[in-house]
Amino acid sequence: MAFISVFDVIGPNMVGPSSSHTAGAAVIGALAHKMLAPPLTRVEFTLYGSFAKTYRGHGTDRALLGGVMGFSPEDLRIRDSFAIAQERGVEYRFSCNETETEIHPNTVDVRLENAGGQVMTIRGESLGGGKVRITRINGVEVDFTGEYSAVIVVQQDRPGVVAHITKAISDRGVNIAFMRLFRDEKGQTAYTIVESDQRLPQDIARVLRENPNIHDVMLVQP
């Protein structure tokens, strides 16, 4: 029998009327915010399913935009995220895809661009109760929730890279909770996602980048 906590029933602290459409949207945006080096200059959101149908009335648009600017679900600035984005010089656009239906109903694609010209795309799903899942990064299918401290490694799919990642983490006394490797083709770009039971040290990104087959490292702390 599954245990249900009182927090699962009541839901998360949040600004807005819906844990799925507001809190979850803010969490997806906040995870995207942690994956791209600041400052953010442009963001585009493509909404699917019920997100596309109700995003204005439920504040999904404000929550997503606030999230990519680093606001948590309970941050009152979410109410003013349009104005704050304008003040910060962040261009934003929302569009709806109502033709792709074989997809989770609370799904959004987020395309972000920073001042250095770096572009990142992620796909997120809001699962209810403020919980989310990231299912794509730059077109590669992945699976992580952001509930644990995580390091996301973008690498060339070569022998020895995974061993380098695990050694760098274990040398710092960090216990790995989950570790998964995602790739489209052998020998091409791959993503290793390591989630830990404790907060990852800030220098882990620098150490991981010492391997020439590692292209980028994103540290996502909850």
N, C-alpha and C. Protein backbone atom coordinates (compact mmCIF):
# COMPACT_ATOMS: atom_id res chain seq x y z
N MET A 1 0.85 -1.20 0.00
CA MET A 1 0.00 0.00 0.00
C MET A 1 0.88 1.24 0.00
N ALA A 2 0.64 2.17 -0.91
CA ALA A 2 1.47 3.37 -1.02
C ALA A 2 1.17 4.34 0.11
N PHE A 3 2.22 4.96 0.62
CA PHE A 3 2.06 5.97 1.66
C PHE A 3 1.84 7.33 1.02
N ILE A 4 0.83 8.05 1.46
CA ILE A 4 0.54 9.39 0.94
C ILE A 4 0.72 10.38 2.08
N SER A 5 1.61 11.34 1.87
CA SER A 5 1.86 12.32 2.93
C SER A 5 0.83 13.44 2.84
N VAL A 6 0.71 14.19 3.93
CA VAL A 6 -0.20 15.33 3.95
C VAL A 6 0.20 16.36 2.91
N PHE A 7 1.52 16.42 2.59
CA PHE A 7 1.98 17.40 1.61
C PHE A 7 1.54 17.02 0.20
N ASP A 8 1.38 15.71 -0.05
CA ASP A 8 0.86 15.29 -1.35
C ASP A 8 -0.60 15.69 -1.51
N VAL A 9 -1.33 15.72 -0.42
CA VAL A 9 -2.75 16.06 -0.47
C VAL A 9 -2.95 17.57 -0.58
N ILE A 10 -2.24 18.31 0.26
CA ILE A 10 -2.41 19.76 0.27
C ILE A 10 -1.75 20.40 -0.94
N GLY A 11 -0.58 19.88 -1.34
CA GLY A 11 0.13 20.44 -2.47
C GLY A 11 1.19 21.42 -2.05
N PRO A 12 1.95 21.96 -3.00
CA PRO A 12 3.09 22.81 -2.68
C PRO A 12 2.67 24.24 -2.37
N ASN A 13 3.56 24.98 -1.68
CA ASN A 13 3.39 26.43 -1.57
C ASN A 13 3.58 27.02 -2.95
N MET A 14 2.70 27.92 -3.36
CA MET A 14 2.80 28.41 -4.72
C MET A 14 2.01 29.69 -4.89
N VAL A 15 2.31 30.39 -5.98
CA VAL A 15 1.52 31.51 -6.44
C VAL A 15 0.68 31.01 -7.61
N GLY A 16 -0.63 31.15 -7.55
CA GLY A 16 -1.47 30.70 -8.66
C GLY A 16 -2.45 29.62 -8.24
N PRO A 17 -3.38 29.26 -9.13
CA PRO A 17 -4.51 28.41 -8.76
C PRO A 17 -4.28 26.91 -8.92
N SER A 18 -3.20 26.46 -9.56
CA SER A 18 -3.09 25.05 -9.92
C SER A 18 -1.69 24.54 -9.69
N SER A 19 -1.57 23.42 -8.96
CA SER A 19 -0.25 22.83 -8.74
C SER A 19 0.34 22.31 -10.05
N SER A 20 -0.50 21.81 -10.95
CA SER A 20 -0.01 21.31 -12.23
C SER A 20 0.33 22.44 -13.19
N HIS A 21 -0.58 23.41 -13.29
CA HIS A 21 -0.44 24.43 -14.32
C HIS A 21 0.36 25.65 -13.87
N THR A 22 0.51 25.82 -12.55
CA THR A 22 1.24 26.99 -12.06
C THR A 22 2.53 26.57 -11.36
N ALA A 23 2.42 25.82 -10.26
CA ALA A 23 3.62 25.41 -9.53
C ALA A 23 4.53 24.54 -10.40
N GLY A 24 3.95 23.54 -11.06
CA GLY A 24 4.76 22.68 -11.92
C GLY A 24 5.42 23.44 -13.05
N ALA A 25 4.68 24.39 -13.63
CA ALA A 25 5.26 25.21 -14.70
C ALA A 25 6.44 26.01 -14.19
N ALA A 26 6.32 26.58 -12.99
CA ALA A 26 7.42 27.36 -12.41
C ALA A 26 8.64 26.47 -12.16
N VAL A 27 8.41 25.24 -11.71
CA VAL A 27 9.53 24.32 -11.46
C VAL A 27 10.24 23.96 -12.77
N ILE A 28 9.48 23.69 -13.81
CA ILE A 28 10.10 23.41 -15.12
C ILE A 28 10.95 24.59 -15.56
N GLY A 29 10.39 25.80 -15.46
CA GLY A 29 11.15 26.98 -15.82
C GLY A 29 12.40 27.14 -14.98
N ALA A 30 12.29 26.88 -13.66
CA ALA A 30 13.44 27.04 -12.77
C ALA A 30 14.54 26.03 -13.09
N LEU A 31 14.17 24.81 -13.47
CA LEU A 31 15.18 23.84 -13.87
C LEU A 31 15.88 24.29 -15.15
N ALA A 32 15.12 24.82 -16.10
CA ALA A 32 15.73 25.35 -17.32
C ALA A 32 16.70 26.49 -16.98
N HIS A 33 16.30 27.34 -16.04
CA HIS A 33 17.14 28.45 -15.61
C HIS A 33 18.49 27.96 -15.10
N LYS A 34 18.50 26.83 -14.39
CA LYS A 34 19.74 26.30 -13.81
C LYS A 34 20.64 25.65 -14.85
N MET A 35 20.11 25.36 -16.03
CA MET A 35 20.88 24.64 -17.04
C MET A 35 21.59 25.54 -18.04
N LEU A 36 21.29 26.84 -18.02
CA LEU A 36 21.88 27.75 -19.01
C LEU A 36 22.59 28.88 -18.28
N ALA A 37 23.82 29.15 -18.70
CA ALA A 37 24.59 30.22 -18.06
C ALA A 37 23.91 31.57 -18.29
N PRO A 38 23.80 32.40 -17.25
CA PRO A 38 23.18 33.72 -17.40
C PRO A 38 24.12 34.67 -18.15
N PRO A 39 23.58 35.81 -18.63
CA PRO A 39 22.18 36.23 -18.51
C PRO A 39 21.31 35.71 -19.65
N LEU A 40 20.07 35.42 -19.31
CA LEU A 40 19.08 35.01 -20.30
C LEU A 40 18.64 36.22 -21.11
N THR A 41 18.58 36.05 -22.44
CA THR A 41 18.15 37.17 -23.29
C THR A 41 16.86 36.88 -24.05
N ARG A 42 16.60 35.59 -24.32
CA ARG A 42 15.41 35.27 -25.13
C ARG A 42 14.91 33.88 -24.74
N VAL A 43 13.59 33.72 -24.69
CA VAL A 43 13.00 32.43 -24.39
C VAL A 43 11.71 32.26 -25.17
N GLU A 44 11.51 31.07 -25.69
CA GLU A 44 10.29 30.73 -26.42
C GLU A 44 9.67 29.48 -25.78
N PHE A 45 8.38 29.53 -25.55
CA PHE A 45 7.65 28.42 -24.95
C PHE A 45 6.66 27.87 -25.96
N THR A 46 6.67 26.56 -26.16
CA THR A 46 5.65 25.90 -26.97
C THR A 46 4.85 24.99 -26.05
N LEU A 47 3.55 25.26 -25.94
CA LEU A 47 2.70 24.55 -24.98
C LEU A 47 1.83 23.53 -25.69
N TYR A 48 1.59 22.41 -25.00
CA TYR A 48 0.82 21.30 -25.54
C TYR A 48 -0.34 20.96 -24.61
N GLY A 49 -1.35 20.27 -25.16
CA GLY A 49 -2.44 19.72 -24.36
C GLY A 49 -3.16 20.76 -23.53
N SER A 50 -3.39 20.43 -22.25
CA SER A 50 -4.13 21.35 -21.39
C SER A 50 -3.33 22.60 -21.08
N PHE A 51 -2.01 22.50 -21.11
CA PHE A 51 -1.19 23.71 -20.97
C PHE A 51 -1.58 24.73 -22.05
N ALA A 52 -1.74 24.25 -23.28
CA ALA A 52 -2.07 25.14 -24.40
C ALA A 52 -3.47 25.72 -24.25
N LYS A 53 -4.38 24.95 -23.67
CA LYS A 53 -5.77 25.40 -23.59
C LYS A 53 -6.01 26.41 -22.46
N THR A 54 -5.28 26.29 -21.38
CA THR A 54 -5.62 27.08 -20.18
C THR A 54 -4.48 27.95 -19.66
N TYR A 55 -3.41 28.10 -20.44
CA TYR A 55 -2.21 28.71 -19.88
C TYR A 55 -2.41 30.16 -19.43
N ARG A 56 -3.28 30.90 -20.09
CA ARG A 56 -3.50 32.29 -19.65
C ARG A 56 -4.31 32.34 -18.35
N GLY A 57 -5.40 31.60 -18.31
CA GLY A 57 -6.28 31.65 -17.14
C GLY A 57 -5.66 31.08 -15.88
N HIS A 58 -4.79 30.08 -16.01
CA HIS A 58 -4.17 29.45 -14.85
C HIS A 58 -2.81 30.05 -14.50
N GLY A 59 -2.37 31.04 -15.24
CA GLY A 59 -1.09 31.68 -14.93
C GLY A 59 0.12 30.85 -15.31
N THR A 60 -0.07 29.85 -16.18
CA THR A 60 1.05 29.02 -16.61
C THR A 60 2.11 29.86 -17.31
N ASP A 61 1.67 30.85 -18.09
CA ASP A 61 2.62 31.70 -18.82
C ASP A 61 3.49 32.50 -17.84
N ARG A 62 2.87 33.11 -16.84
CA ARG A 62 3.64 33.87 -15.85
C ARG A 62 4.58 32.97 -15.06
N ALA A 63 4.09 31.77 -14.72
CA ALA A 63 4.91 30.84 -13.94
C ALA A 63 6.12 30.35 -14.73
N LEU A 64 5.92 29.99 -15.98
CA LEU A 64 7.04 29.56 -16.81
C LEU A 64 8.07 30.66 -16.96
N LEU A 65 7.60 31.86 -17.26
CA LEU A 65 8.51 32.98 -17.45
C LEU A 65 9.24 33.33 -16.15
N GLY A 66 8.51 33.32 -15.04
CA GLY A 66 9.16 33.55 -13.76
C GLY A 66 10.19 32.49 -13.45
N GLY A 67 9.86 31.24 -13.75
CA GLY A 67 10.80 30.15 -13.49
C GLY A 67 12.10 30.30 -14.24
N VAL A 68 12.04 30.65 -15.52
CA VAL A 68 13.30 30.77 -16.28
C VAL A 68 14.10 31.99 -15.84
N MET A 69 13.48 32.90 -15.09
CA MET A 69 14.23 34.01 -14.50
C MET A 69 14.70 33.69 -13.09
N GLY A 70 14.44 32.45 -12.64
CA GLY A 70 14.96 32.00 -11.36
C GLY A 70 14.01 32.10 -10.20
N PHE A 71 12.72 32.34 -10.44
CA PHE A 71 11.74 32.46 -9.35
C PHE A 71 11.21 31.08 -8.97
N SER A 72 11.10 30.82 -7.68
CA SER A 72 10.53 29.57 -7.19
C SER A 72 8.99 29.66 -7.25
N PRO A 73 8.27 28.54 -7.13
CA PRO A 73 6.81 28.56 -7.26
C PRO A 73 6.10 29.48 -6.27
N GLU A 74 6.69 29.72 -5.09
CA GLU A 74 6.03 30.56 -4.09
C GLU A 74 6.47 32.03 -4.16
N ASP A 75 7.33 32.36 -5.12
CA ASP A 75 7.85 33.72 -5.24
C ASP A 75 6.75 34.65 -5.78
N LEU A 76 6.41 35.68 -5.03
CA LEU A 76 5.34 36.59 -5.43
C LEU A 76 5.67 37.37 -6.71
N ARG A 77 6.93 37.41 -7.08
CA ARG A 77 7.30 38.10 -8.32
C ARG A 77 6.73 37.43 -9.56
N ILE A 78 6.29 36.18 -9.44
CA ILE A 78 5.68 35.49 -10.58
C ILE A 78 4.49 36.28 -11.13
N ARG A 79 3.75 36.93 -10.23
CA ARG A 79 2.59 37.72 -10.68
C ARG A 79 2.99 38.82 -11.66
N ASP A 80 4.23 39.32 -11.51
CA ASP A 80 4.70 40.44 -12.32
C ASP A 80 5.80 40.02 -13.29
N SER A 81 5.82 38.73 -13.65
CA SER A 81 6.94 38.23 -14.45
C SER A 81 7.03 38.88 -15.83
N PHE A 82 5.89 39.26 -16.43
CA PHE A 82 5.95 39.93 -17.73
C PHE A 82 6.70 41.26 -17.62
N ALA A 83 6.34 42.04 -16.62
CA ALA A 83 6.97 43.35 -16.44
C ALA A 83 8.45 43.19 -16.06
N ILE A 84 8.75 42.22 -15.23
CA ILE A 84 10.14 42.01 -14.81
C ILE A 84 10.99 41.56 -15.99
N ALA A 85 10.44 40.70 -16.84
CA ALA A 85 11.18 40.28 -18.03
C ALA A 85 11.49 41.47 -18.92
N GLN A 86 10.52 42.36 -19.06
CA GLN A 86 10.75 43.56 -19.87
C GLN A 86 11.84 44.43 -19.26
N GLU A 87 11.82 44.59 -17.94
CA GLU A 87 12.85 45.37 -17.26
C GLU A 87 14.23 44.76 -17.45
N ARG A 88 14.30 43.44 -17.47
CA ARG A 88 15.59 42.75 -17.60
C ARG A 88 16.03 42.59 -19.05
N GLY A 89 15.21 43.00 -19.98
CA GLY A 89 15.55 42.86 -21.39
C GLY A 89 15.43 41.45 -21.91
N VAL A 90 14.56 40.66 -21.30
CA VAL A 90 14.34 39.27 -21.73
C VAL A 90 13.18 39.23 -22.71
N GLU A 91 13.45 38.85 -23.95
CA GLU A 91 12.38 38.68 -24.94
C GLU A 91 11.71 37.33 -24.71
N TYR A 92 10.39 37.29 -24.84
CA TYR A 92 9.70 36.02 -24.61
C TYR A 92 8.53 35.89 -25.58
N ARG A 93 8.21 34.64 -25.87
CA ARG A 93 7.09 34.36 -26.79
C ARG A 93 6.45 33.03 -26.39
N PHE A 94 5.12 32.98 -26.49
CA PHE A 94 4.37 31.76 -26.22
C PHE A 94 3.64 31.33 -27.49
N SER A 95 3.68 30.04 -27.77
CA SER A 95 2.90 29.51 -28.88
C SER A 95 2.29 28.18 -28.45
N CYS A 96 1.25 27.76 -29.15
CA CYS A 96 0.54 26.53 -28.80
C CYS A 96 0.62 25.53 -29.94
N ASN A 97 0.90 24.29 -29.60
CA ASN A 97 0.87 23.20 -30.57
C ASN A 97 -0.30 22.30 -30.20
N GLU A 98 -1.36 22.38 -30.97
CA GLU A 98 -2.57 21.59 -30.69
C GLU A 98 -2.72 20.43 -31.67
N THR A 99 -1.69 20.17 -32.48
CA THR A 99 -1.75 19.07 -33.43
C THR A 99 -1.07 17.82 -32.91
N GLU A 100 -0.04 18.00 -32.07
CA GLU A 100 0.66 16.86 -31.49
C GLU A 100 -0.07 16.45 -30.21
N THR A 101 -0.77 15.31 -30.27
CA THR A 101 -1.63 14.92 -29.15
C THR A 101 -1.10 13.71 -28.38
N GLU A 102 -0.21 12.93 -28.98
CA GLU A 102 0.34 11.76 -28.29
C GLU A 102 1.46 12.20 -27.35
N ILE A 103 1.07 12.91 -26.31
CA ILE A 103 2.04 13.56 -25.45
C ILE A 103 1.38 13.81 -24.09
N HIS A 104 2.16 13.93 -23.05
CA HIS A 104 1.59 14.25 -21.74
C HIS A 104 0.82 15.56 -21.83
N PRO A 105 -0.38 15.67 -21.22
CA PRO A 105 -1.21 16.86 -21.41
C PRO A 105 -0.62 18.15 -20.85
N ASN A 106 0.29 18.06 -19.89
CA ASN A 106 0.92 19.27 -19.33
C ASN A 106 2.38 19.32 -19.76
N THR A 107 2.59 19.55 -21.03
CA THR A 107 3.93 19.52 -21.61
C THR A 107 4.29 20.88 -22.19
N VAL A 108 5.57 21.25 -22.04
CA VAL A 108 6.06 22.49 -22.63
C VAL A 108 7.47 22.28 -23.16
N ASP A 109 7.73 22.81 -24.33
CA ASP A 109 9.09 22.92 -24.86
C ASP A 109 9.60 24.33 -24.58
N VAL A 110 10.80 24.42 -24.05
CA VAL A 110 11.40 25.71 -23.71
C VAL A 110 12.70 25.87 -24.50
N ARG A 111 12.78 26.95 -25.26
CA ARG A 111 14.02 27.26 -25.98
C ARG A 111 14.60 28.53 -25.38
N LEU A 112 15.82 28.42 -24.86
CA LEU A 112 16.45 29.55 -24.18
C LEU A 112 17.71 29.97 -24.91
N GLU A 113 17.99 31.26 -24.87
CA GLU A 113 19.23 31.80 -25.45
C GLU A 113 19.82 32.81 -24.48
N ASN A 114 21.14 32.74 -24.29
CA ASN A 114 21.79 33.70 -23.39
C ASN A 114 22.59 34.73 -24.16
N ALA A 115 23.20 35.65 -23.43
CA ALA A 115 23.91 36.77 -24.06
C ALA A 115 25.11 36.30 -24.86
N GLY A 116 25.65 35.13 -24.53
CA GLY A 116 26.78 34.59 -25.27
C GLY A 116 26.39 33.84 -26.52
N GLY A 117 25.10 33.79 -26.82
CA GLY A 117 24.62 33.09 -28.01
C GLY A 117 24.39 31.61 -27.82
N GLN A 118 24.57 31.11 -26.59
CA GLN A 118 24.32 29.70 -26.32
C GLN A 118 22.81 29.45 -26.33
N VAL A 119 22.41 28.37 -26.99
CA VAL A 119 21.00 28.01 -27.11
C VAL A 119 20.78 26.65 -26.47
N MET A 120 19.72 26.51 -25.72
CA MET A 120 19.36 25.23 -25.12
C MET A 120 17.86 25.02 -25.26
N THR A 121 17.47 23.78 -25.52
CA THR A 121 16.05 23.44 -25.54
C THR A 121 15.80 22.31 -24.55
N ILE A 122 14.71 22.40 -23.82
CA ILE A 122 14.31 21.31 -22.94
C ILE A 122 12.81 21.07 -23.11
N ARG A 123 12.40 19.86 -22.83
CA ARG A 123 10.97 19.53 -22.76
C ARG A 123 10.66 19.11 -21.33
N GLY A 124 9.63 19.71 -20.75
CA GLY A 124 9.23 19.38 -19.40
C GLY A 124 7.78 18.97 -19.33
N GLU A 125 7.46 18.10 -18.37
CA GLU A 125 6.09 17.67 -18.11
C GLU A 125 5.75 17.96 -16.66
N SER A 126 4.59 18.55 -16.42
CA SER A 126 4.11 18.80 -15.06
C SER A 126 3.21 17.65 -14.66
N LEU A 127 3.60 16.94 -13.58
CA LEU A 127 2.95 15.68 -13.23
C LEU A 127 1.87 15.82 -12.17
N GLY A 128 1.75 17.01 -11.57
CA GLY A 128 0.77 17.21 -10.50
C GLY A 128 1.46 17.39 -9.17
N GLY A 129 0.87 18.19 -8.30
CA GLY A 129 1.44 18.41 -6.98
C GLY A 129 2.76 19.16 -7.00
N GLY A 130 3.04 19.86 -8.09
CA GLY A 130 4.30 20.58 -8.21
C GLY A 130 5.46 19.73 -8.67
N LYS A 131 5.22 18.44 -8.93
CA LYS A 131 6.29 17.54 -9.39
C LYS A 131 6.38 17.60 -10.92
N VAL A 132 7.60 17.45 -11.42
CA VAL A 132 7.82 17.57 -12.86
C VAL A 132 8.80 16.49 -13.31
N ARG A 133 8.89 16.38 -14.64
CA ARG A 133 9.90 15.50 -15.24
C ARG A 133 10.44 16.21 -16.49
N ILE A 134 11.77 16.21 -16.63
CA ILE A 134 12.40 16.71 -17.84
C ILE A 134 12.63 15.51 -18.75
N THR A 135 12.10 15.57 -19.97
CA THR A 135 12.15 14.41 -20.86
C THR A 135 13.01 14.60 -22.10
N ARG A 136 13.45 15.83 -22.35
CA ARG A 136 14.36 16.07 -23.48
C ARG A 136 15.29 17.23 -23.14
N ILE A 137 16.52 17.09 -23.56
CA ILE A 137 17.48 18.19 -23.52
C ILE A 137 18.14 18.25 -24.89
N ASN A 138 17.98 19.38 -25.57
CA ASN A 138 18.55 19.57 -26.90
C ASN A 138 18.20 18.41 -27.84
N GLY A 139 16.96 17.96 -27.75
CA GLY A 139 16.46 16.93 -28.66
C GLY A 139 16.76 15.51 -28.25
N VAL A 140 17.60 15.31 -27.23
CA VAL A 140 17.93 13.96 -26.77
C VAL A 140 16.97 13.59 -25.64
N GLU A 141 16.36 12.41 -25.73
CA GLU A 141 15.42 11.98 -24.70
C GLU A 141 16.16 11.63 -23.41
N VAL A 142 15.72 12.24 -22.31
CA VAL A 142 16.31 12.02 -20.99
C VAL A 142 15.17 11.79 -20.00
N ASP A 143 15.53 11.64 -18.73
CA ASP A 143 14.50 11.44 -17.71
C ASP A 143 15.08 11.82 -16.36
N PHE A 144 14.70 13.00 -15.85
CA PHE A 144 15.06 13.34 -14.48
C PHE A 144 14.07 14.35 -13.93
N THR A 145 14.00 14.42 -12.60
CA THR A 145 12.94 15.18 -11.94
C THR A 145 13.40 16.47 -11.29
N GLY A 146 14.69 16.61 -11.03
CA GLY A 146 15.17 17.80 -10.32
C GLY A 146 14.96 17.74 -8.82
N GLU A 147 14.48 16.62 -8.30
CA GLU A 147 14.24 16.51 -6.86
C GLU A 147 15.53 16.23 -6.07
N TYR A 148 16.56 15.74 -6.77
CA TYR A 148 17.86 15.49 -6.16
C TYR A 148 18.87 16.48 -6.72
N SER A 149 19.99 16.64 -6.00
CA SER A 149 21.12 17.33 -6.61
C SER A 149 21.57 16.51 -7.81
N ALA A 150 21.82 17.19 -8.92
CA ALA A 150 22.15 16.46 -10.14
C ALA A 150 23.24 17.18 -10.91
N VAL A 151 24.05 16.40 -11.60
CA VAL A 151 24.99 16.96 -12.57
C VAL A 151 24.64 16.34 -13.92
N ILE A 152 24.51 17.19 -14.92
CA ILE A 152 24.17 16.77 -16.27
C ILE A 152 25.41 17.00 -17.13
N VAL A 153 25.93 15.93 -17.68
CA VAL A 153 27.18 15.98 -18.43
C VAL A 153 26.88 15.76 -19.91
N VAL A 154 27.29 16.71 -20.73
CA VAL A 154 27.17 16.58 -22.18
C VAL A 154 28.52 16.10 -22.69
N GLN A 155 28.54 14.96 -23.33
CA GLN A 155 29.82 14.34 -23.65
C GLN A 155 29.81 13.69 -25.02
N GLN A 156 30.99 13.42 -25.52
CA GLN A 156 31.13 12.55 -26.68
C GLN A 156 31.05 11.12 -26.17
N ASP A 157 30.33 10.28 -26.84
CA ASP A 157 30.13 8.90 -26.40
C ASP A 157 31.41 8.10 -26.69
N ARG A 158 32.34 8.15 -25.74
CA ARG A 158 33.64 7.51 -25.89
C ARG A 158 33.95 6.67 -24.65
N PRO A 159 34.77 5.62 -24.80
CA PRO A 159 35.16 4.82 -23.64
C PRO A 159 35.91 5.67 -22.61
N GLY A 160 35.64 5.43 -21.34
CA GLY A 160 36.36 6.09 -20.27
C GLY A 160 35.70 7.33 -19.72
N VAL A 161 34.73 7.89 -20.45
CA VAL A 161 34.10 9.13 -19.98
C VAL A 161 33.25 8.87 -18.74
N VAL A 162 32.45 7.82 -18.76
CA VAL A 162 31.60 7.50 -17.61
C VAL A 162 32.46 7.18 -16.39
N ALA A 163 33.57 6.47 -16.60
CA ALA A 163 34.47 6.15 -15.49
C ALA A 163 35.05 7.43 -14.88
N HIS A 164 35.37 8.40 -15.74
CA HIS A 164 35.88 9.69 -15.25
C HIS A 164 34.82 10.39 -14.40
N ILE A 165 33.58 10.33 -14.84
CA ILE A 165 32.49 10.99 -14.10
C ILE A 165 32.32 10.35 -12.73
N THR A 166 32.21 9.03 -12.69
CA THR A 166 31.97 8.36 -11.41
C THR A 166 33.15 8.53 -10.46
N LYS A 167 34.38 8.51 -10.97
CA LYS A 167 35.55 8.70 -10.11
C LYS A 167 35.58 10.11 -9.52
N ALA A 168 35.29 11.11 -10.35
CA ALA A 168 35.29 12.49 -9.86
C ALA A 168 34.29 12.68 -8.74
N ILE A 169 33.14 12.02 -8.85
CA ILE A 169 32.10 12.15 -7.83
C ILE A 169 32.46 11.37 -6.58
N SER A 170 32.92 10.13 -6.74
CA SER A 170 33.25 9.31 -5.58
C SER A 170 34.46 9.86 -4.83
N ASP A 171 35.41 10.47 -5.53
CA ASP A 171 36.58 11.07 -4.88
C ASP A 171 36.19 12.17 -3.91
N ARG A 172 35.00 12.74 -4.10
CA ARG A 172 34.53 13.80 -3.22
C ARG A 172 33.56 13.27 -2.15
N GLY A 173 33.51 11.97 -2.03
CA GLY A 173 32.70 11.37 -0.98
C GLY A 173 31.21 11.50 -1.18
N VAL A 174 30.79 11.69 -2.43
CA VAL A 174 29.36 11.86 -2.74
C VAL A 174 28.76 10.51 -3.13
N ASN A 175 27.63 10.18 -2.53
CA ASN A 175 26.95 8.94 -2.84
C ASN A 175 26.00 9.14 -4.02
N ILE A 176 26.13 8.30 -5.03
CA ILE A 176 25.26 8.39 -6.21
C ILE A 176 23.95 7.68 -5.94
N ALA A 177 22.84 8.40 -6.11
CA ALA A 177 21.51 7.80 -5.95
C ALA A 177 21.04 7.15 -7.25
N PHE A 178 21.18 7.89 -8.35
CA PHE A 178 20.79 7.38 -9.67
C PHE A 178 21.80 7.88 -10.70
N MET A 179 22.05 7.06 -11.69
CA MET A 179 22.93 7.45 -12.78
C MET A 179 22.41 6.84 -14.07
N ARG A 180 22.23 7.67 -15.09
CA ARG A 180 21.70 7.19 -16.36
C ARG A 180 22.45 7.86 -17.51
N LEU A 181 22.65 7.11 -18.58
CA LEU A 181 23.26 7.66 -19.79
C LEU A 181 22.24 7.61 -20.91
N PHE A 182 22.10 8.71 -21.63
CA PHE A 182 21.15 8.82 -22.72
C PHE A 182 21.89 9.22 -23.99
N ARG A 183 21.55 8.59 -25.10
CA ARG A 183 22.19 8.94 -26.38
C ARG A 183 21.25 8.57 -27.51
N ASP A 184 21.44 9.23 -28.66
CA ASP A 184 20.68 8.88 -29.85
C ASP A 184 21.42 7.84 -30.69
N GLU A 185 22.76 8.03 -30.83
CA GLU A 185 23.56 7.13 -31.64
C GLU A 185 24.88 6.85 -30.95
N LYS A 186 25.39 5.64 -31.15
CA LYS A 186 26.68 5.26 -30.60
C LYS A 186 27.79 6.17 -31.14
N GLY A 187 28.63 6.66 -30.23
CA GLY A 187 29.77 7.48 -30.63
C GLY A 187 29.46 8.94 -30.83
N GLN A 188 28.18 9.32 -30.70
CA GLN A 188 27.79 10.72 -30.90
C GLN A 188 27.60 11.40 -29.54
N THR A 189 26.88 12.51 -29.54
CA THR A 189 26.65 13.23 -28.28
C THR A 189 25.77 12.41 -27.35
N ALA A 190 26.18 12.36 -26.09
CA ALA A 190 25.42 11.64 -25.07
C ALA A 190 25.27 12.53 -23.84
N TYR A 191 24.30 12.20 -23.02
CA TYR A 191 24.06 12.91 -21.77
C TYR A 191 24.13 11.91 -20.62
N THR A 192 24.98 12.17 -19.66
CA THR A 192 24.99 11.39 -18.42
C THR A 192 24.39 12.25 -17.33
N ILE A 193 23.39 11.74 -16.66
CA ILE A 193 22.75 12.45 -15.55
C ILE A 193 23.00 11.66 -14.27
N VAL A 194 23.65 12.31 -13.33
CA VAL A 194 23.95 11.69 -12.04
C VAL A 194 23.20 12.46 -10.97
N GLU A 195 22.37 11.76 -10.20
CA GLU A 195 21.63 12.36 -9.10
C GLU A 195 22.20 11.81 -7.79
N SER A 196 22.40 12.69 -6.82
CA SER A 196 23.07 12.29 -5.59
C SER A 196 22.18 12.51 -4.38
N ASP A 197 22.51 11.80 -3.28
CA ASP A 197 21.77 11.91 -2.04
C ASP A 197 22.13 13.17 -1.26
N GLN A 198 23.17 13.86 -1.68
CA GLN A 198 23.63 15.05 -0.97
C GLN A 198 24.00 16.12 -1.98
N ARG A 199 24.19 17.31 -1.48
CA ARG A 199 24.51 18.44 -2.36
C ARG A 199 25.87 18.23 -3.03
N LEU A 200 25.93 18.41 -4.32
CA LEU A 200 27.17 18.22 -5.06
C LEU A 200 28.09 19.43 -4.86
N PRO A 201 29.39 19.20 -4.73
CA PRO A 201 30.32 20.32 -4.56
C PRO A 201 30.41 21.17 -5.83
N GLN A 202 30.60 22.47 -5.66
CA GLN A 202 30.62 23.39 -6.79
C GLN A 202 31.76 23.11 -7.76
N ASP A 203 32.87 22.55 -7.26
CA ASP A 203 34.02 22.36 -8.15
C ASP A 203 33.89 21.12 -9.02
N ILE A 204 32.81 20.36 -8.88
CA ILE A 204 32.67 19.14 -9.65
C ILE A 204 32.62 19.43 -11.15
N ALA A 205 32.03 20.55 -11.54
CA ALA A 205 31.96 20.90 -12.96
C ALA A 205 33.35 21.11 -13.54
N ARG A 206 34.20 21.82 -12.81
CA ARG A 206 35.57 22.07 -13.27
C ARG A 206 36.34 20.76 -13.44
N VAL A 207 36.23 19.87 -12.47
CA VAL A 207 36.95 18.59 -12.52
C VAL A 207 36.45 17.74 -13.68
N LEU A 208 35.16 17.69 -13.89
CA LEU A 208 34.61 16.89 -14.98
C LEU A 208 35.07 17.40 -16.34
N ARG A 209 35.18 18.71 -16.47
CA ARG A 209 35.58 19.29 -17.76
C ARG A 209 37.04 19.00 -18.12
N GLU A 210 37.79 18.43 -17.19
CA GLU A 210 39.18 18.07 -17.49
C GLU A 210 39.28 16.96 -18.53
N ASN A 211 38.21 16.19 -18.68
CA ASN A 211 38.19 15.17 -19.73
C ASN A 211 37.86 15.83 -21.06
N PRO A 212 38.71 15.68 -22.09
CA PRO A 212 38.49 16.37 -23.37
C PRO A 212 37.23 15.95 -24.11
N ASN A 213 36.65 14.80 -23.73
CA ASN A 213 35.43 14.35 -24.39
C ASN A 213 34.17 14.89 -23.74
N ILE A 214 34.32 15.70 -22.70
CA ILE A 214 33.17 16.32 -22.04
C ILE A 214 33.02 17.75 -22.57
N HIS A 215 31.86 18.05 -23.14
CA HIS A 215 31.62 19.34 -23.79
C HIS A 215 31.02 20.37 -22.85
N ASP A 216 30.17 19.93 -21.94
CA ASP A 216 29.51 20.87 -21.06
C ASP A 216 29.07 20.13 -19.80
N VAL A 217 28.97 20.88 -18.70
CA VAL A 217 28.52 20.32 -17.43
C VAL A 217 27.53 21.30 -16.82
N MET A 218 26.36 20.79 -16.42
CA MET A 218 25.34 21.61 -15.78
C MET A 218 25.09 21.05 -14.39
N LEU A 219 25.23 21.91 -13.40
CA LEU A 219 25.00 21.52 -12.02
C LEU A 219 23.61 22.02 -11.60
N VAL A 220 22.72 21.11 -11.24
CA VAL A 220 21.34 21.46 -10.92
C VAL A 220 21.09 21.08 -9.46
N GLN A 221 21.12 22.08 -8.58
CA GLN A 221 20.88 21.84 -7.17
C GLN A 221 19.41 22.12 -6.85
N PRO A 222 18.76 21.29 -6.01
CA PRO A 222 17.36 21.50 -5.72
C PRO A 222 17.15 22.72 -4.82
